[in-house]
Amino acid sequence: MKHKIHQGHNVKRFREMLGVKQENLALDLGDGWDQKKISLLEQKDLIEEILLQKISKVLNIPIEVFQNFEEEQAVNVIANTYSFQDFKDHAVASGFSYQPSFNPIDKIVELYERMIQQQKEMIDKLENLMQNK
């Protein structure tokens, strides 16, 4: 049975993961957008591709994520790839040590840098709005 991908839920899911409020997304999308319109958008099964491209650019997430991500499918892939016994055996064999293939501190720094950049962009937009009034 093929599940339907809900693009509106995907927009909401990734917007929330990034810590972007509906009001901020509306501001980034421009004139005619407000929090209520974003809320309605996130309830839609399908979103027009042109609008998805704009959201993709604003959130810096590939459009394919909104078009193809299916949470249940992702959970099934993980569940079918890794069983609890595999995890338990690995944990015992490794003495419960976690050896990431990347430096977690670098990832945290990247996240903070991205958040700071988004805040700077938001401040610039707000300053422009204030100057234009």
N, C-alpha and C. Protein backbone atom coordinates (compact mmCIF):
# COMPACT_ATOMS: atom_id res chain seq x y z
N MET A 1 0.83 -1.18 0.00
CA MET A 1 0.00 0.00 0.00
C MET A 1 0.88 1.24 0.00
N LYS A 2 0.67 2.12 -0.94
CA LYS A 2 1.46 3.34 -1.07
C LYS A 2 0.84 4.43 -0.21
N HIS A 3 1.65 5.00 0.69
CA HIS A 3 1.18 6.09 1.54
C HIS A 3 1.32 7.41 0.81
N LYS A 4 0.39 8.28 1.11
CA LYS A 4 0.42 9.59 0.51
C LYS A 4 1.37 10.49 1.29
N ILE A 5 2.23 11.19 0.59
CA ILE A 5 3.16 12.11 1.24
C ILE A 5 2.44 13.43 1.45
N HIS A 6 2.44 13.90 2.67
CA HIS A 6 1.76 15.13 3.05
C HIS A 6 2.78 16.26 3.07
N GLN A 7 2.83 17.03 1.99
CA GLN A 7 3.85 18.07 1.86
C GLN A 7 3.72 19.16 2.91
N GLY A 8 2.49 19.49 3.28
CA GLY A 8 2.27 20.50 4.32
C GLY A 8 2.86 20.08 5.66
N HIS A 9 2.65 18.81 6.01
CA HIS A 9 3.24 18.29 7.26
C HIS A 9 4.76 18.32 7.19
N ASN A 10 5.30 18.02 6.01
CA ASN A 10 6.76 18.05 5.85
C ASN A 10 7.30 19.46 6.03
N VAL A 11 6.60 20.46 5.49
CA VAL A 11 7.02 21.85 5.69
C VAL A 11 7.02 22.16 7.18
N LYS A 12 5.94 21.79 7.86
CA LYS A 12 5.84 22.06 9.30
C LYS A 12 6.93 21.34 10.07
N ARG A 13 7.14 20.06 9.78
CA ARG A 13 8.13 19.25 10.49
C ARG A 13 9.52 19.87 10.39
N PHE A 14 9.94 20.23 9.18
CA PHE A 14 11.30 20.75 9.01
C PHE A 14 11.41 22.21 9.47
N ARG A 15 10.33 22.98 9.34
CA ARG A 15 10.33 24.34 9.87
C ARG A 15 10.55 24.30 11.37
N GLU A 16 9.83 23.40 12.04
CA GLU A 16 9.96 23.27 13.50
C GLU A 16 11.35 22.76 13.89
N MET A 17 11.89 21.82 13.12
CA MET A 17 13.24 21.32 13.41
C MET A 17 14.27 22.44 13.36
N LEU A 18 14.05 23.39 12.46
CA LEU A 18 14.97 24.52 12.32
C LEU A 18 14.68 25.62 13.33
N GLY A 19 13.58 25.50 14.07
CA GLY A 19 13.23 26.52 15.05
C GLY A 19 12.68 27.79 14.43
N VAL A 20 12.11 27.67 13.23
CA VAL A 20 11.55 28.83 12.54
C VAL A 20 10.06 28.91 12.86
N LYS A 21 9.62 30.05 13.36
CA LYS A 21 8.20 30.24 13.67
C LYS A 21 7.42 30.51 12.39
N GLN A 22 6.13 30.23 12.43
CA GLN A 22 5.27 30.47 11.28
C GLN A 22 5.33 31.94 10.85
N GLU A 23 5.35 32.84 11.83
CA GLU A 23 5.40 34.27 11.53
C GLU A 23 6.68 34.63 10.75
N ASN A 24 7.79 34.02 11.14
CA ASN A 24 9.06 34.31 10.47
C ASN A 24 9.07 33.75 9.04
N LEU A 25 8.52 32.56 8.87
CA LEU A 25 8.44 32.00 7.52
C LEU A 25 7.57 32.89 6.64
N ALA A 26 6.46 33.36 7.21
CA ALA A 26 5.56 34.25 6.45
C ALA A 26 6.30 35.52 6.04
N LEU A 27 7.06 36.08 6.96
CA LEU A 27 7.82 37.30 6.66
C LEU A 27 8.82 37.04 5.54
N ASP A 28 9.49 35.88 5.59
CA ASP A 28 10.48 35.54 4.57
C ASP A 28 9.83 35.28 3.20
N LEU A 29 8.59 34.80 3.20
CA LEU A 29 7.92 34.52 1.93
C LEU A 29 7.40 35.81 1.28
N GLY A 30 7.27 36.87 2.05
CA GLY A 30 6.94 38.17 1.46
C GLY A 30 5.49 38.58 1.62
N ASP A 31 5.13 39.56 0.80
CA ASP A 31 3.79 40.15 0.86
C ASP A 31 2.71 39.10 0.68
N GLY A 32 1.62 39.31 1.41
CA GLY A 32 0.48 38.41 1.30
C GLY A 32 0.56 37.21 2.23
N TRP A 33 1.65 37.08 2.95
CA TRP A 33 1.81 35.94 3.84
C TRP A 33 1.72 36.39 5.30
N ASP A 34 1.04 35.58 6.11
CA ASP A 34 0.99 35.81 7.55
C ASP A 34 0.94 34.46 8.25
N GLN A 35 0.94 34.49 9.56
CA GLN A 35 0.98 33.24 10.35
C GLN A 35 -0.19 32.33 10.01
N LYS A 36 -1.38 32.90 9.87
CA LYS A 36 -2.57 32.09 9.60
C LYS A 36 -2.46 31.38 8.25
N LYS A 37 -1.93 32.09 7.25
CA LYS A 37 -1.78 31.50 5.92
C LYS A 37 -0.76 30.36 5.94
N ILE A 38 0.31 30.51 6.74
CA ILE A 38 1.30 29.42 6.88
C ILE A 38 0.64 28.22 7.55
N SER A 39 -0.16 28.48 8.57
CA SER A 39 -0.86 27.39 9.27
C SER A 39 -1.76 26.62 8.29
N LEU A 40 -2.48 27.33 7.45
CA LEU A 40 -3.34 26.67 6.45
C LEU A 40 -2.50 25.90 5.42
N LEU A 41 -1.38 26.49 5.02
CA LEU A 41 -0.48 25.85 4.07
C LEU A 41 0.02 24.50 4.62
N GLU A 42 0.35 24.48 5.90
CA GLU A 42 0.89 23.26 6.51
C GLU A 42 -0.16 22.15 6.66
N GLN A 43 -1.41 22.47 6.37
CA GLN A 43 -2.47 21.46 6.42
C GLN A 43 -2.74 20.86 5.04
N LYS A 44 -2.12 21.43 4.00
CA LYS A 44 -2.37 20.97 2.63
C LYS A 44 -1.56 19.71 2.32
N ASP A 45 -2.22 18.76 1.63
CA ASP A 45 -1.53 17.55 1.18
C ASP A 45 -0.49 17.90 0.13
N LEU A 46 -0.89 18.69 -0.85
CA LEU A 46 -0.01 19.07 -1.95
C LEU A 46 0.15 20.59 -1.98
N ILE A 47 1.38 21.02 -2.23
CA ILE A 47 1.69 22.44 -2.33
C ILE A 47 2.24 22.68 -3.73
N GLU A 48 1.84 23.78 -4.34
CA GLU A 48 2.30 24.11 -5.68
C GLU A 48 3.83 24.12 -5.70
N GLU A 49 4.40 23.60 -6.78
CA GLU A 49 5.86 23.45 -6.87
C GLU A 49 6.59 24.79 -6.76
N ILE A 50 6.03 25.83 -7.36
CA ILE A 50 6.68 27.15 -7.30
C ILE A 50 6.77 27.63 -5.85
N LEU A 51 5.70 27.42 -5.10
CA LEU A 51 5.70 27.81 -3.69
C LEU A 51 6.66 26.93 -2.88
N LEU A 52 6.68 25.62 -3.18
CA LEU A 52 7.63 24.73 -2.50
C LEU A 52 9.07 25.16 -2.78
N GLN A 53 9.35 25.61 -3.99
CA GLN A 53 10.70 26.08 -4.32
C GLN A 53 11.06 27.30 -3.47
N LYS A 54 10.11 28.18 -3.29
CA LYS A 54 10.35 29.38 -2.49
C LYS A 54 10.60 29.01 -1.02
N ILE A 55 9.78 28.10 -0.50
CA ILE A 55 9.95 27.63 0.89
C ILE A 55 11.29 26.93 1.03
N SER A 56 11.63 26.12 0.03
CA SER A 56 12.91 25.41 0.02
C SER A 56 14.07 26.39 0.13
N LYS A 57 13.99 27.46 -0.63
CA LYS A 57 15.06 28.46 -0.62
C LYS A 57 15.12 29.17 0.74
N VAL A 58 13.96 29.54 1.28
CA VAL A 58 13.91 30.25 2.56
C VAL A 58 14.47 29.39 3.69
N LEU A 59 14.07 28.11 3.72
CA LEU A 59 14.50 27.23 4.82
C LEU A 59 15.84 26.55 4.53
N ASN A 60 16.34 26.73 3.30
CA ASN A 60 17.61 26.12 2.90
C ASN A 60 17.56 24.59 3.01
N ILE A 61 16.46 24.04 2.49
CA ILE A 61 16.25 22.59 2.49
C ILE A 61 15.87 22.20 1.06
N PRO A 62 16.46 21.14 0.52
CA PRO A 62 16.12 20.73 -0.85
C PRO A 62 14.62 20.48 -1.02
N ILE A 63 14.08 20.91 -2.13
CA ILE A 63 12.64 20.77 -2.39
C ILE A 63 12.21 19.30 -2.33
N GLU A 64 13.12 18.40 -2.70
CA GLU A 64 12.79 16.96 -2.70
C GLU A 64 12.43 16.45 -1.30
N VAL A 65 12.95 17.09 -0.28
CA VAL A 65 12.63 16.68 1.09
C VAL A 65 11.13 16.88 1.33
N PHE A 66 10.60 18.03 0.92
CA PHE A 66 9.17 18.30 1.12
C PHE A 66 8.31 17.40 0.24
N GLN A 67 8.81 17.07 -0.94
CA GLN A 67 8.04 16.27 -1.89
C GLN A 67 8.08 14.77 -1.60
N ASN A 68 9.16 14.29 -0.97
CA ASN A 68 9.36 12.84 -0.87
C ASN A 68 9.47 12.28 0.54
N PHE A 69 9.67 13.12 1.55
CA PHE A 69 9.89 12.59 2.89
C PHE A 69 8.61 11.99 3.46
N GLU A 70 8.73 10.77 3.92
CA GLU A 70 7.62 10.07 4.55
C GLU A 70 8.13 9.47 5.85
N GLU A 71 7.65 10.00 6.96
CA GLU A 71 8.16 9.61 8.27
C GLU A 71 8.03 8.11 8.52
N GLU A 72 6.88 7.56 8.20
CA GLU A 72 6.67 6.13 8.45
C GLU A 72 7.67 5.28 7.67
N GLN A 73 7.93 5.69 6.43
CA GLN A 73 8.89 4.96 5.59
C GLN A 73 10.29 5.05 6.19
N ALA A 74 10.66 6.24 6.68
CA ALA A 74 11.98 6.42 7.29
C ALA A 74 12.13 5.54 8.53
N VAL A 75 11.08 5.49 9.34
CA VAL A 75 11.11 4.65 10.55
C VAL A 75 11.24 3.19 10.17
N ASN A 76 10.51 2.76 9.12
CA ASN A 76 10.57 1.36 8.68
C ASN A 76 11.96 0.99 8.18
N VAL A 77 12.59 1.90 7.44
CA VAL A 77 13.94 1.63 6.94
C VAL A 77 14.90 1.43 8.10
N ILE A 78 14.81 2.31 9.09
CA ILE A 78 15.68 2.21 10.27
C ILE A 78 15.39 0.92 11.02
N ALA A 79 14.11 0.62 11.22
CA ALA A 79 13.74 -0.59 11.96
C ALA A 79 14.19 -1.85 11.23
N ASN A 80 14.10 -1.86 9.90
CA ASN A 80 14.49 -3.04 9.14
C ASN A 80 16.00 -3.15 8.97
N THR A 81 16.70 -2.06 9.12
CA THR A 81 18.15 -2.06 8.95
C THR A 81 18.86 -2.43 10.26
N TYR A 82 18.33 -1.93 11.34
CA TYR A 82 18.97 -2.16 12.65
C TYR A 82 17.97 -2.78 13.60
N SER A 83 18.27 -3.97 14.06
CA SER A 83 17.42 -4.58 15.07
C SER A 83 17.96 -4.21 16.44
N PHE A 84 17.13 -4.36 17.45
CA PHE A 84 17.58 -4.06 18.81
C PHE A 84 18.74 -4.98 19.19
N GLN A 85 18.68 -6.24 18.76
CA GLN A 85 19.76 -7.17 19.09
C GLN A 85 21.07 -6.72 18.48
N ASP A 86 21.03 -6.21 17.23
CA ASP A 86 22.25 -5.68 16.61
C ASP A 86 22.82 -4.55 17.44
N PHE A 87 21.95 -3.66 17.88
CA PHE A 87 22.39 -2.52 18.68
C PHE A 87 22.98 -3.01 20.01
N LYS A 88 22.27 -3.95 20.64
CA LYS A 88 22.72 -4.48 21.93
C LYS A 88 24.08 -5.17 21.78
N ASP A 89 24.24 -5.99 20.72
CA ASP A 89 25.51 -6.68 20.49
C ASP A 89 26.64 -5.68 20.25
N HIS A 90 26.36 -4.66 19.47
CA HIS A 90 27.38 -3.64 19.19
C HIS A 90 27.75 -2.89 20.48
N ALA A 91 26.74 -2.56 21.27
CA ALA A 91 26.99 -1.81 22.49
C ALA A 91 27.85 -2.63 23.45
N VAL A 92 27.54 -3.92 23.58
CA VAL A 92 28.32 -4.76 24.48
C VAL A 92 29.74 -4.92 23.95
N ALA A 93 29.86 -5.17 22.66
CA ALA A 93 31.18 -5.38 22.07
C ALA A 93 32.05 -4.12 22.16
N SER A 94 31.43 -2.98 22.08
CA SER A 94 32.21 -1.75 22.10
C SER A 94 32.31 -1.13 23.49
N GLY A 95 31.75 -1.82 24.48
CA GLY A 95 31.79 -1.26 25.83
C GLY A 95 30.94 -0.01 25.96
N PHE A 96 29.87 0.08 25.20
CA PHE A 96 28.95 1.21 25.20
C PHE A 96 29.62 2.50 24.76
N SER A 97 30.69 2.41 24.03
CA SER A 97 31.33 3.65 23.57
C SER A 97 30.68 4.09 22.28
N TYR A 98 30.57 5.38 22.12
CA TYR A 98 29.98 5.95 20.92
C TYR A 98 31.09 6.59 20.12
N GLN A 99 31.30 6.12 18.90
CA GLN A 99 32.37 6.61 18.04
C GLN A 99 31.78 7.23 16.78
N PRO A 100 31.35 8.49 16.85
CA PRO A 100 30.78 9.10 15.64
C PRO A 100 31.84 9.27 14.56
N SER A 101 31.39 9.29 13.31
CA SER A 101 32.32 9.48 12.20
C SER A 101 32.54 10.97 11.92
N PHE A 102 32.00 11.81 12.78
CA PHE A 102 32.17 13.26 12.65
C PHE A 102 32.38 13.82 14.06
N ASN A 103 32.85 15.03 14.13
CA ASN A 103 33.05 15.67 15.42
C ASN A 103 31.74 16.37 15.82
N PRO A 104 31.06 15.90 16.87
CA PRO A 104 29.79 16.50 17.26
C PRO A 104 29.91 18.00 17.57
N ILE A 105 31.03 18.41 18.08
CA ILE A 105 31.23 19.84 18.39
C ILE A 105 31.18 20.66 17.10
N ASP A 106 31.78 20.13 16.02
CA ASP A 106 31.73 20.83 14.74
C ASP A 106 30.29 21.00 14.28
N LYS A 107 29.47 19.98 14.47
CA LYS A 107 28.07 20.05 14.06
C LYS A 107 27.32 21.10 14.90
N ILE A 108 27.61 21.17 16.16
CA ILE A 108 26.97 22.16 17.02
C ILE A 108 27.39 23.56 16.60
N VAL A 109 28.67 23.75 16.32
CA VAL A 109 29.17 25.05 15.86
C VAL A 109 28.48 25.43 14.55
N GLU A 110 28.36 24.48 13.61
CA GLU A 110 27.68 24.75 12.34
C GLU A 110 26.24 25.19 12.57
N LEU A 111 25.55 24.52 13.50
CA LEU A 111 24.17 24.87 13.80
C LEU A 111 24.09 26.28 14.36
N TYR A 112 24.95 26.61 15.33
CA TYR A 112 24.93 27.95 15.90
C TYR A 112 25.27 29.01 14.86
N GLU A 113 26.23 28.73 13.99
CA GLU A 113 26.57 29.70 12.94
C GLU A 113 25.39 29.93 12.02
N ARG A 114 24.69 28.87 11.69
CA ARG A 114 23.50 29.00 10.84
C ARG A 114 22.42 29.80 11.54
N MET A 115 22.22 29.54 12.83
CA MET A 115 21.21 30.27 13.59
C MET A 115 21.57 31.75 13.68
N ILE A 116 22.84 32.06 13.90
CA ILE A 116 23.28 33.45 13.96
C ILE A 116 23.06 34.13 12.62
N GLN A 117 23.39 33.44 11.53
CA GLN A 117 23.18 34.01 10.20
C GLN A 117 21.70 34.29 9.96
N GLN A 118 20.83 33.37 10.37
CA GLN A 118 19.39 33.57 10.20
C GLN A 118 18.91 34.76 11.02
N GLN A 119 19.46 34.92 12.23
CA GLN A 119 19.08 36.07 13.06
C GLN A 119 19.54 37.37 12.41
N LYS A 120 20.75 37.39 11.86
CA LYS A 120 21.24 38.60 11.18
C LYS A 120 20.34 38.95 10.00
N GLU A 121 19.97 37.94 9.23
CA GLU A 121 19.09 38.17 8.09
C GLU A 121 17.74 38.71 8.54
N MET A 122 17.21 38.16 9.64
CA MET A 122 15.92 38.62 10.16
C MET A 122 16.03 40.07 10.63
N ILE A 123 17.11 40.42 11.29
CA ILE A 123 17.32 41.80 11.76
C ILE A 123 17.40 42.74 10.57
N ASP A 124 18.13 42.34 9.52
CA ASP A 124 18.22 43.16 8.31
C ASP A 124 16.85 43.38 7.70
N LYS A 125 16.04 42.34 7.63
CA LYS A 125 14.70 42.46 7.05
C LYS A 125 13.84 43.39 7.90
N LEU A 126 13.92 43.24 9.21
CA LEU A 126 13.13 44.10 10.08
C LEU A 126 13.58 45.56 9.97
N GLU A 127 14.89 45.79 9.88
CA GLU A 127 15.39 47.16 9.71
C GLU A 127 14.90 47.75 8.39
N ASN A 128 14.91 46.95 7.34
CA ASN A 128 14.41 47.42 6.03
C ASN A 128 12.93 47.76 6.11
N LEU A 129 12.17 46.92 6.81
CA LEU A 129 10.73 47.19 6.96
C LEU A 129 10.50 48.48 7.73
N MET A 130 11.29 48.70 8.77
CA MET A 130 11.15 49.90 9.58
C MET A 130 11.52 51.14 8.77
N GLN A 131 12.54 51.06 7.94
CA GLN A 131 12.96 52.19 7.13
C GLN A 131 11.94 52.52 6.04
N ASN A 132 11.24 51.51 5.56
CA ASN A 132 10.27 51.72 4.49
C ASN A 132 8.93 52.26 4.99
N LYS A 133 8.73 52.29 6.27
CA LYS A 133 7.44 52.78 6.82
C LYS A 133 7.48 54.24 7.11
